[in-house]
């Protein structure tokens, strides 16, 4: 799970939509990404704190590490996102099997 706060100049509906679309397109093509979801704030309170929520699914933590080092991800992060980026928070969660 990745939460992104954009710099004030980019923290608006139009730039969020562009960033979300580009994120979906580029990161979905990265090796190891099984599933991707990119969301934008649904209310004003969330909008003040975060601009994008990126949920990426991988088969293993090894796949996550390979993805993080891959040139496609590095270019997305370093060239596309970083110039707009104010804050980024990244967490790794394991998806548990439901018992029912």
PDB file of N, CA and C in Angstrom:
ATOM      1  N   UNK A   1       0.856  -1.156   0.000  1.00  0.00           N
ATOM      2  CA  UNK A   1       0.000   0.000   0.000  1.00  0.00           C
ATOM      3  C   UNK A   1       0.909   1.227   0.000  1.00  0.00           C
ATOM      4  N   UNK A   2       0.606   2.162  -0.900  1.00  0.00           N
ATOM      5  CA  UNK A   2       1.399   3.377  -1.020  1.00  0.00           C
ATOM      6  C   UNK A   2       0.454   4.569  -0.954  1.00  0.00           C
ATOM      7  N   UNK A   3       0.698   5.462  -0.013  1.00  0.00           N
ATOM      8  CA  UNK A   3      -0.071   6.704   0.102  1.00  0.00           C
ATOM      9  C   UNK A   3       0.825   7.840  -0.383  1.00  0.00           C
ATOM     10  N   UNK A   4       0.275   8.683  -1.239  1.00  0.00           N
ATOM     11  CA  UNK A   4       1.045   9.756  -1.864  1.00  0.00           C
ATOM     12  C   UNK A   4       0.370  11.098  -1.609  1.00  0.00           C
ATOM     13  N   UNK A   5       1.154  12.045  -1.134  1.00  0.00           N
ATOM     14  CA  UNK A   5       0.711  13.437  -1.036  1.00  0.00           C
ATOM     15  C   UNK A   5       1.514  14.218  -2.062  1.00  0.00           C
ATOM     16  N   UNK A   6       0.824  14.871  -2.977  1.00  0.00           N
ATOM     17  CA  UNK A   6       1.474  15.662  -4.002  1.00  0.00           C
ATOM     18  C   UNK A   6       1.758  17.070  -3.494  1.00  0.00           C
ATOM     19  N   UNK A   7       2.732  17.723  -4.107  1.00  0.00           N
ATOM     20  CA  UNK A   7       2.999  19.125  -3.784  1.00  0.00           C
ATOM     21  C   UNK A   7       1.747  19.937  -4.073  1.00  0.00           C
ATOM     22  N   UNK A   8       1.601  21.051  -3.386  1.00  0.00           N
ATOM     23  CA  UNK A   8       0.393  21.869  -3.484  1.00  0.00           C
ATOM     24  C   UNK A   8       0.013  22.193  -4.933  1.00  0.00           C
ATOM     25  N   UNK A   9       0.974  22.474  -5.765  1.00  0.00           N
ATOM     26  CA  UNK A   9       0.690  22.834  -7.163  1.00  0.00           C
ATOM     27  C   UNK A   9       0.011  21.695  -7.933  1.00  0.00           C
ATOM     28  N   UNK A  10       0.192  20.450  -7.481  1.00  0.00           N
ATOM     29  CA  UNK A  10      -0.371  19.286  -8.165  1.00  0.00           C
ATOM     30  C   UNK A  10      -1.539  18.660  -7.406  1.00  0.00           C
ATOM     31  N   UNK A  11      -1.849  19.197  -6.243  1.00  0.00           N
ATOM     32  CA  UNK A  11      -2.891  18.620  -5.390  1.00  0.00           C
ATOM     33  C   UNK A  11      -4.250  19.186  -5.775  1.00  0.00           C
ATOM     34  N   UNK A  12      -4.701  18.789  -6.960  1.00  0.00           N
ATOM     35  CA  UNK A  12      -6.006  19.238  -7.482  1.00  0.00           C
ATOM     36  C   UNK A  12      -6.600  18.095  -8.301  1.00  0.00           C
ATOM     37  N   UNK A  13      -7.902  18.128  -8.561  1.00  0.00           N
ATOM     38  CA  UNK A  13      -8.548  16.997  -9.238  1.00  0.00           C
ATOM     39  C   UNK A  13      -7.944  16.641 -10.600  1.00  0.00           C
ATOM     40  N   UNK A  14      -7.594  17.632 -11.407  1.00  0.00           N
ATOM     41  CA  UNK A  14      -7.061  17.345 -12.739  1.00  0.00           C
ATOM     42  C   UNK A  14      -5.709  16.639 -12.662  1.00  0.00           C
ATOM     43  N   UNK A  15      -4.789  17.171 -11.852  1.00  0.00           N
ATOM     44  CA  UNK A  15      -3.470  16.555 -11.739  1.00  0.00           C
ATOM     45  C   UNK A  15      -3.527  15.207 -11.042  1.00  0.00           C
ATOM     46  N   UNK A  16      -4.443  15.052 -10.082  1.00  0.00           N
ATOM     47  CA  UNK A  16      -4.629  13.742  -9.449  1.00  0.00           C
ATOM     48  C   UNK A  16      -5.064  12.709 -10.485  1.00  0.00           C
ATOM     49  N   UNK A  17      -5.993  13.092 -11.333  1.00  0.00           N
ATOM     50  CA  UNK A  17      -6.506  12.171 -12.353  1.00  0.00           C
ATOM     51  C   UNK A  17      -5.399  11.764 -13.323  1.00  0.00           C
ATOM     52  N   UNK A  18      -4.575  12.720 -13.734  1.00  0.00           N
ATOM     53  CA  UNK A  18      -3.454  12.418 -14.633  1.00  0.00           C
ATOM     54  C   UNK A  18      -2.472  11.475 -13.937  1.00  0.00           C
ATOM     55  N   UNK A  19      -2.120  11.793 -12.697  1.00  0.00           N
ATOM     56  CA  UNK A  19      -1.182  10.961 -11.945  1.00  0.00           C
ATOM     57  C   UNK A  19      -1.743   9.557 -11.741  1.00  0.00           C
ATOM     58  N   UNK A  20      -3.016   9.463 -11.406  1.00  0.00           N
ATOM     59  CA  UNK A  20      -3.639   8.145 -11.184  1.00  0.00           C
ATOM     60  C   UNK A  20      -3.637   7.325 -12.468  1.00  0.00           C
ATOM     61  N   UNK A  21      -4.005   7.932 -13.580  1.00  0.00           N
ATOM     62  CA  UNK A  21      -4.030   7.216 -14.855  1.00  0.00           C
ATOM     63  C   UNK A  21      -2.648   6.743 -15.272  1.00  0.00           C
ATOM     64  N   UNK A  22      -1.659   7.617 -15.151  1.00  0.00           N
ATOM     65  CA  UNK A  22      -0.293   7.246 -15.527  1.00  0.00           C
ATOM     66  C   UNK A  22       0.237   6.146 -14.598  1.00  0.00           C
ATOM     67  N   UNK A  23      -0.073   6.252 -13.330  1.00  0.00           N
ATOM     68  CA  UNK A  23       0.354   5.241 -12.366  1.00  0.00           C
ATOM     69  C   UNK A  23      -0.222   3.883 -12.728  1.00  0.00           C
ATOM     70  N   UNK A  24      -1.525   3.838 -12.996  1.00  0.00           N
ATOM     71  CA  UNK A  24      -2.178   2.580 -13.388  1.00  0.00           C
ATOM     72  C   UNK A  24      -1.525   1.987 -14.631  1.00  0.00           C
ATOM     73  N   UNK A  25      -1.347   2.814 -15.636  1.00  0.00           N
ATOM     74  CA  UNK A  25      -0.818   2.352 -16.915  1.00  0.00           C
ATOM     75  C   UNK A  25       0.610   1.818 -16.790  1.00  0.00           C
ATOM     76  N   UNK A  26       1.467   2.575 -16.152  1.00  0.00           N
ATOM     77  CA  UNK A  26       2.883   2.202 -16.081  1.00  0.00           C
ATOM     78  C   UNK A  26       3.117   1.049 -15.115  1.00  0.00           C
ATOM     79  N   UNK A  27       2.606   1.153 -13.904  1.00  0.00           N
ATOM     80  CA  UNK A  27       2.919   0.138 -12.900  1.00  0.00           C
ATOM     81  C   UNK A  27       2.248  -1.196 -13.177  1.00  0.00           C
ATOM     82  N   UNK A  28       1.111  -1.195 -13.862  1.00  0.00           N
ATOM     83  CA  UNK A  28       0.457  -2.463 -14.219  1.00  0.00           C
ATOM     84  C   UNK A  28       1.337  -3.282 -15.154  1.00  0.00           C
ATOM     85  N   UNK A  29       2.196  -2.610 -15.915  1.00  0.00           N
ATOM     86  CA  UNK A  29       3.071  -3.293 -16.863  1.00  0.00           C
ATOM     87  C   UNK A  29       4.379  -3.758 -16.234  1.00  0.00           C
ATOM     88  N   UNK A  30       4.618  -3.394 -14.990  1.00  0.00           N
ATOM     89  CA  UNK A  30       5.876  -3.769 -14.329  1.00  0.00           C
ATOM     90  C   UNK A  30       5.876  -5.262 -14.001  1.00  0.00           C
ATOM     91  N   UNK A  31       7.012  -5.915 -14.217  1.00  0.00           N
ATOM     92  CA  UNK A  31       7.110  -7.341 -13.897  1.00  0.00           C
ATOM     93  C   UNK A  31       6.803  -7.605 -12.423  1.00  0.00           C
ATOM     94  N   UNK A  32       6.043  -8.674 -12.202  1.00  0.00           N
ATOM     95  CA  UNK A  32       5.730  -9.079 -10.836  1.00  0.00           C
ATOM     96  C   UNK A  32       4.441  -8.502 -10.289  1.00  0.00           C
ATOM     97  N   UNK A  33       3.910  -7.452 -10.914  1.00  0.00           N
ATOM     98  CA  UNK A  33       2.667  -6.856 -10.428  1.00  0.00           C
ATOM     99  C   UNK A  33       1.507  -7.754 -10.862  1.00  0.00           C
ATOM    100  N   UNK A  34       0.855  -8.320  -9.894  1.00  0.00           N
ATOM    101  CA  UNK A  34      -0.281  -9.207 -10.157  1.00  0.00           C
ATOM    102  C   UNK A  34      -1.571  -8.416 -10.314  1.00  0.00           C
ATOM    103  N   UNK A  35      -1.691  -7.360  -9.510  1.00  0.00           N
ATOM    104  CA  UNK A  35      -2.913  -6.556  -9.506  1.00  0.00           C
ATOM    105  C   UNK A  35      -2.563  -5.151  -9.045  1.00  0.00           C
ATOM    106  N   UNK A  36      -3.280  -4.140  -9.581  1.00  0.00           N
ATOM    107  CA  UNK A  36      -3.061  -2.761  -9.162  1.00  0.00           C
ATOM    108  C   UNK A  36      -4.399  -2.053  -9.053  1.00  0.00           C
ATOM    109  N   UNK A  37      -4.496  -1.204  -8.042  1.00  0.00           N
ATOM    110  CA  UNK A  37      -5.654  -0.330  -7.868  1.00  0.00           C
ATOM    111  C   UNK A  37      -5.094   1.034  -7.474  1.00  0.00           C
ATOM    112  N   UNK A  38      -5.577   2.077  -8.121  1.00  0.00           N
ATOM    113  CA  UNK A  38      -5.148   3.435  -7.806  1.00  0.00           C
ATOM    114  C   UNK A  38      -6.392   4.252  -7.518  1.00  0.00           C
ATOM    115  N   UNK A  39      -6.448   4.832  -6.324  1.00  0.00           N
ATOM    116  CA  UNK A  39      -7.629   5.589  -5.908  1.00  0.00           C
ATOM    117  C   UNK A  39      -7.251   7.023  -5.561  1.00  0.00           C
ATOM    118  N   UNK A  40      -8.238   7.907  -5.672  1.00  0.00           N
ATOM    119  CA  UNK A  40      -8.081   9.309  -5.278  1.00  0.00           C
ATOM    120  C   UNK A  40      -9.050   9.592  -4.131  1.00  0.00           C
ATOM    121  N   UNK A  41      -8.851  10.679  -3.399  1.00  0.00           N
ATOM    122  CA  UNK A  41      -9.676  10.951  -2.217  1.00  0.00           C
ATOM    123  C   UNK A  41     -11.170  11.039  -2.537  1.00  0.00           C
ATOM    124  N   UNK A  42     -11.959  10.504  -1.626  1.00  0.00           N
ATOM    125  CA  UNK A  42     -13.414  10.524  -1.783  1.00  0.00           C
ATOM    126  C   UNK A  42     -14.069  11.641  -0.988  1.00  0.00           C
ATOM    127  N   UNK A  43     -13.308  12.288  -0.094  1.00  0.00           N
ATOM    128  CA  UNK A  43     -13.880  13.366   0.710  1.00  0.00           C
ATOM    129  C   UNK A  43     -12.811  14.417   1.014  1.00  0.00           C
ATOM    130  N   UNK A  44     -13.244  15.567   1.478  1.00  0.00           N
ATOM    131  CA  UNK A  44     -12.343  16.702   1.717  1.00  0.00           C
ATOM    132  C   UNK A  44     -11.317  16.419   2.812  1.00  0.00           C
ATOM    133  N   UNK A  45     -11.702  15.682   3.827  1.00  0.00           N
ATOM    134  CA  UNK A  45     -10.772  15.369   4.907  1.00  0.00           C
ATOM    135  C   UNK A  45      -9.596  14.550   4.387  1.00  0.00           C
ATOM    136  N   UNK A  46      -9.884  13.523   3.616  1.00  0.00           N
ATOM    137  CA  UNK A  46      -8.827  12.700   3.032  1.00  0.00           C
ATOM    138  C   UNK A  46      -7.998  13.515   2.050  1.00  0.00           C
ATOM    139  N   UNK A  47      -8.657  14.341   1.277  1.00  0.00           N
ATOM    140  CA  UNK A  47      -7.987  15.167   0.272  1.00  0.00           C
ATOM    141  C   UNK A  47      -6.924  16.089   0.883  1.00  0.00           C
ATOM    142  N   UNK A  48      -7.138  16.534   2.095  1.00  0.00           N
ATOM    143  CA  UNK A  48      -6.149  17.398   2.764  1.00  0.00           C
ATOM    144  C   UNK A  48      -4.875  16.632   3.112  1.00  0.00           C
ATOM    145  N   UNK A  49      -4.985  15.318   3.283  1.00  0.00           N
ATOM    146  CA  UNK A  49      -3.830  14.523   3.710  1.00  0.00           C
ATOM    147  C   UNK A  49      -3.169  13.723   2.595  1.00  0.00           C
ATOM    148  N   UNK A  50      -3.964  13.191   1.654  1.00  0.00           N
ATOM    149  CA  UNK A  50      -3.425  12.295   0.624  1.00  0.00           C
ATOM    150  C   UNK A  50      -4.070  12.571  -0.724  1.00  0.00           C
ATOM    151  N   UNK A  51      -3.319  12.320  -1.791  1.00  0.00           N
ATOM    152  CA  UNK A  51      -3.832  12.514  -3.151  1.00  0.00           C
ATOM    153  C   UNK A  51      -4.035  11.211  -3.905  1.00  0.00           C
ATOM    154  N   UNK A  52      -3.211  10.209  -3.632  1.00  0.00           N
ATOM    155  CA  UNK A  52      -3.325   8.905  -4.289  1.00  0.00           C
ATOM    156  C   UNK A  52      -3.134   7.790  -3.278  1.00  0.00           C
ATOM    157  N   UNK A  53      -3.850   6.718  -3.470  1.00  0.00           N
ATOM    158  CA  UNK A  53      -3.625   5.482  -2.733  1.00  0.00           C
ATOM    159  C   UNK A  53      -3.403   4.404  -3.783  1.00  0.00           C
ATOM    160  N   UNK A  54      -2.227   3.791  -3.738  1.00  0.00           N
ATOM    161  CA  UNK A  54      -1.851   2.780  -4.721  1.00  0.00           C
ATOM    162  C   UNK A  54      -1.773   1.435  -4.007  1.00  0.00           C
ATOM    163  N   UNK A  55      -2.569   0.494  -4.462  1.00  0.00           N
ATOM    164  CA  UNK A  55      -2.553  -0.862  -3.909  1.00  0.00           C
ATOM    165  C   UNK A  55      -2.005  -1.797  -4.971  1.00  0.00           C
ATOM    166  N   UNK A  56      -0.886  -2.403  -4.674  1.00  0.00           N
ATOM    167  CA  UNK A  56      -0.229  -3.321  -5.591  1.00  0.00           C
ATOM    168  C   UNK A  56      -0.210  -4.706  -4.967  1.00  0.00           C
ATOM    169  N   UNK A  57      -0.502  -5.724  -5.757  1.00  0.00           N
ATOM    170  CA  UNK A  57      -0.446  -7.102  -5.266  1.00  0.00           C
ATOM    171  C   UNK A  57       0.679  -7.841  -5.971  1.00  0.00           C
ATOM    172  N   UNK A  58       1.424  -8.613  -5.181  1.00  0.00           N
ATOM    173  CA  UNK A  58       2.541  -9.419  -5.673  1.00  0.00           C
ATOM    174  C   UNK A  58       2.397 -10.820  -5.105  1.00  0.00           C
ATOM    175  N   UNK A  59       3.086 -11.760  -5.709  1.00  0.00           N
ATOM    176  CA  UNK A  59       3.033 -13.141  -5.224  1.00  0.00           C
ATOM    177  C   UNK A  59       3.934 -13.381  -4.019  1.00  0.00           C
ATOM    178  N   UNK A  60       4.942 -12.512  -3.822  1.00  0.00           N
ATOM    179  CA  UNK A  60       5.875 -12.719  -2.719  1.00  0.00           C
ATOM    180  C   UNK A  60       6.631 -11.427  -2.433  1.00  0.00           C
ATOM    181  N   UNK A  61       7.309 -11.389  -1.290  1.00  0.00           N
ATOM    182  CA  UNK A  61       8.161 -10.233  -0.977  1.00  0.00           C
ATOM    183  C   UNK A  61       9.372 -10.196  -1.904  1.00  0.00           C
ATOM    184  N   UNK A  62       9.789 -11.337  -2.405  1.00  0.00           N
ATOM    185  CA  UNK A  62      10.872 -11.356  -3.392  1.00  0.00           C
ATOM    186  C   UNK A  62      10.435 -10.602  -4.647  1.00  0.00           C
ATOM    187  N   UNK A  63       9.200 -10.814  -5.078  1.00  0.00           N
ATOM    188  CA  UNK A  63       8.669 -10.099  -6.244  1.00  0.00           C
ATOM    189  C   UNK A  63       8.587  -8.592  -5.971  1.00  0.00           C
ATOM    190  N   UNK A  64       8.264  -8.218  -4.738  1.00  0.00           N
ATOM    191  CA  UNK A  64       8.220  -6.795  -4.361  1.00  0.00           C
ATOM    192  C   UNK A  64       9.603  -6.186  -4.509  1.00  0.00           C
ATOM    193  N   UNK A  65      10.613  -6.851  -3.995  1.00  0.00           N
ATOM    194  CA  UNK A  65      11.982  -6.327  -4.065  1.00  0.00           C
ATOM    195  C   UNK A  65      12.468  -6.228  -5.508  1.00  0.00           C
ATOM    196  N   UNK A  66      12.126  -7.202  -6.327  1.00  0.00           N
ATOM    197  CA  UNK A  66      12.497  -7.151  -7.745  1.00  0.00           C
ATOM    198  C   UNK A  66      11.793  -5.985  -8.436  1.00  0.00           C
ATOM    199  N   UNK A  67      10.524  -5.778  -8.120  1.00  0.00           N
ATOM    200  CA  UNK A  67       9.756  -4.662  -8.670  1.00  0.00           C
ATOM    201  C   UNK A  67      10.376  -3.327  -8.266  1.00  0.00           C
ATOM    202  N   UNK A  68      10.734  -3.190  -7.012  1.00  0.00           N
ATOM    203  CA  UNK A  68      11.294  -1.922  -6.522  1.00  0.00           C
ATOM    204  C   UNK A  68      12.569  -1.541  -7.265  1.00  0.00           C
ATOM    205  N   UNK A  69      13.367  -2.528  -7.659  1.00  0.00           N
ATOM    206  CA  UNK A  69      14.631  -2.258  -8.343  1.00  0.00           C
ATOM    207  C   UNK A  69      14.491  -2.190  -9.868  1.00  0.00           C
ATOM    208  N   UNK A  70      13.354  -2.602 -10.381  1.00  0.00           N
ATOM    209  CA  UNK A  70      13.179  -2.684 -11.839  1.00  0.00           C
ATOM    210  C   UNK A  70      13.225  -1.287 -12.478  1.00  0.00           C
ATOM    211  N   UNK A  71      13.853  -1.157 -13.644  1.00  0.00           N
ATOM    212  CA  UNK A  71      13.961   0.146 -14.314  1.00  0.00           C
ATOM    213  C   UNK A  71      12.614   0.828 -14.595  1.00  0.00           C
ATOM    214  N   UNK A  72      11.573   0.077 -14.888  1.00  0.00           N
ATOM    215  CA  UNK A  72      10.257   0.669 -15.137  1.00  0.00           C
ATOM    216  C   UNK A  72       9.735   1.378 -13.888  1.00  0.00           C
ATOM    217  N   UNK A  73       9.863   0.710 -12.743  1.00  0.00           N
ATOM    218  CA  UNK A  73       9.436   1.329 -11.483  1.00  0.00           C
ATOM    219  C   UNK A  73      10.330   2.509 -11.133  1.00  0.00           C
ATOM    220  N   UNK A  74      11.642   2.342 -11.293  1.00  0.00           N
ATOM    221  CA  UNK A  74      12.575   3.426 -10.962  1.00  0.00           C
ATOM    222  C   UNK A  74      12.299   4.663 -11.814  1.00  0.00           C
ATOM    223  N   UNK A  75      12.030   4.472 -13.105  1.00  0.00           N
ATOM    224  CA  UNK A  75      11.744   5.620 -13.969  1.00  0.00           C
ATOM    225  C   UNK A  75      10.429   6.280 -13.562  1.00  0.00           C
ATOM    226  N   UNK A  76       9.413   5.477 -13.278  1.00  0.00           N
ATOM    227  CA  UNK A  76       8.142   6.029 -12.812  1.00  0.00           C
ATOM    228  C   UNK A  76       8.364   6.881 -11.569  1.00  0.00           C
ATOM    229  N   UNK A  77       9.067   6.327 -10.593  1.00  0.00           N
ATOM    230  CA  UNK A  77       9.264   7.024  -9.328  1.00  0.00           C
ATOM    231  C   UNK A  77      10.187   8.234  -9.482  1.00  0.00           C
ATOM    232  N   UNK A  78      11.340   8.031 -10.078  1.00  0.00           N
ATOM    233  CA  UNK A  78      12.355   9.085 -10.128  1.00  0.00           C
ATOM    234  C   UNK A  78      12.054  10.190 -11.134  1.00  0.00           C
ATOM    235  N   UNK A  79      11.478   9.841 -12.275  1.00  0.00           N
ATOM    236  CA  UNK A  79      11.257  10.830 -13.340  1.00  0.00           C
ATOM    237  C   UNK A  79       9.842  11.404 -13.299  1.00  0.00           C
ATOM    238  N   UNK A  80       8.833  10.530 -13.148  1.00  0.00           N
ATOM    239  CA  UNK A  80       7.450  11.013 -13.178  1.00  0.00           C
ATOM    240  C   UNK A  80       6.980  11.545 -11.833  1.00  0.00           C
ATOM    241  N   UNK A  81       7.054  10.719 -10.799  1.00  0.00           N
ATOM    242  CA  UNK A  81       6.407  11.068  -9.536  1.00  0.00           C
ATOM    243  C   UNK A  81       7.214  12.025  -8.664  1.00  0.00           C
ATOM    244  N   UNK A  82       8.504  11.799  -8.541  1.00  0.00           N
ATOM    245  CA  UNK A  82       9.307  12.583  -7.592  1.00  0.00           C
ATOM    246  C   UNK A  82       9.181  14.099  -7.754  1.00  0.00           C
ATOM    247  N   UNK A  83       9.152  14.658  -8.976  1.00  0.00           N
ATOM    248  CA  UNK A  83       9.016  16.113  -9.097  1.00  0.00           C
ATOM    249  C   UNK A  83       7.700  16.657  -8.514  1.00  0.00           C
ATOM    250  N   UNK A  84       6.663  15.824  -8.441  1.00  0.00           N
ATOM    251  CA  UNK A  84       5.359  16.246  -7.910  1.00  0.00           C
ATOM    252  C   UNK A  84       5.171  15.878  -6.445  1.00  0.00           C
ATOM    253  N   UNK A  85       6.072  15.082  -5.912  1.00  0.00           N
ATOM    254  CA  UNK A  85       5.896  14.408  -4.628  1.00  0.00           C
ATOM    255  C   UNK A  85       6.219  15.292  -3.425  1.00  0.00           C
ATOM    256  N   UNK A  86       5.282  15.328  -2.491  1.00  0.00           N
ATOM    257  CA  UNK A  86       5.505  15.982  -1.195  1.00  0.00           C
ATOM    258  C   UNK A  86       5.860  14.931  -0.140  1.00  0.00           C
ATOM    259  N   UNK A  87       5.008  13.888  -0.034  1.00  0.00           N
ATOM    260  CA  UNK A  87       5.206  12.820   0.960  1.00  0.00           C
ATOM    261  C   UNK A  87       4.780  11.500   0.337  1.00  0.00           C
ATOM    262  N   UNK A  88       5.523  10.447   0.672  1.00  0.00           N
ATOM    263  CA  UNK A  88       5.128   9.103   0.259  1.00  0.00           C
ATOM    264  C   UNK A  88       5.323   8.169   1.449  1.00  0.00           C
ATOM    265  N   UNK A  89       4.342   7.328   1.680  1.00  0.00           N
ATOM    266  CA  UNK A  89       4.397   6.326   2.749  1.00  0.00           C
ATOM    267  C   UNK A  89       4.114   4.974   2.114  1.00  0.00           C
ATOM    268  N   UNK A  90       4.933   3.998   2.454  1.00  0.00           N
ATOM    269  CA  UNK A  90       4.797   2.666   1.872  1.00  0.00           C
ATOM    270  C   UNK A  90       4.699   1.634   2.991  1.00  0.00           C
ATOM    271  N   UNK A  91       3.718   0.743   2.869  1.00  0.00           N
ATOM    272  CA  UNK A  91       3.545  -0.345   3.820  1.00  0.00           C
ATOM    273  C   UNK A  91       3.363  -1.639   3.038  1.00  0.00           C
ATOM    274  N   UNK A  92       3.857  -2.729   3.598  1.00  0.00           N
ATOM    275  CA  UNK A  92       3.663  -4.058   3.011  1.00  0.00           C
ATOM    276  C   UNK A  92       2.747  -4.864   3.925  1.00  0.00           C
ATOM    277  N   UNK A  93       1.713  -5.421   3.342  1.00  0.00           N
ATOM    278  CA  UNK A  93       0.770  -6.262   4.070  1.00  0.00           C
ATOM    279  C   UNK A  93       0.675  -7.605   3.387  1.00  0.00           C
ATOM    280  N   UNK A  94       0.410  -8.613   4.188  1.00  0.00           N
ATOM    281  CA  UNK A  94       0.200  -9.947   3.664  1.00  0.00           C
ATOM    282  C   UNK A  94      -1.307 -10.210   3.608  1.00  0.00           C
ATOM    283  N   UNK A  95      -1.776 -10.696   2.483  1.00  0.00           N
ATOM    284  CA  UNK A  95      -3.196 -11.007   2.339  1.00  0.00           C
ATOM    285  C   UNK A  95      -3.465 -12.373   2.938  1.00  0.00           C
ATOM    286  N   UNK A  96      -4.336 -12.410   3.923  1.00  0.00           N
ATOM    287  CA  UNK A  96      -4.671 -13.662   4.590  1.00  0.00           C
ATOM    288  C   UNK A  96      -5.817 -14.351   3.874  1.00  0.00           C
ATOM    289  N   UNK A  97      -5.768 -15.643   3.876  1.00  0.00           N
ATOM    290  CA  UNK A  97      -6.853 -16.435   3.314  1.00  0.00           C
ATOM    291  C   UNK A  97      -8.045 -16.364   4.255  1.00  0.00           C
ATOM    292  N   UNK A  98      -9.226 -16.147   3.726  1.00  0.00           N
ATOM    293  CA  UNK A  98     -10.406 -16.106   4.575  1.00  0.00           C
ATOM    294  C   UNK A  98     -10.866 -17.545   4.847  1.00  0.00           C
ATOM    295  N   UNK A  99     -11.289 -17.830   6.076  1.00  0.00           N
ATOM    296  CA  UNK A  99     -11.656 -19.195   6.459  1.00  0.00           C
ATOM    297  C   UNK A  99     -13.024 -19.639   5.942  1.00  0.00           C
ATOM    298  N   UNK A 100     -13.737 -18.790   5.262  1.00  0.00           N
ATOM    299  CA  UNK A 100     -15.083 -19.173   4.785  1.00  0.00           C
ATOM    300  C   UNK A 100     -15.246 -18.922   3.328  1.00  0.00           C
TER     301      UNK A 100
END
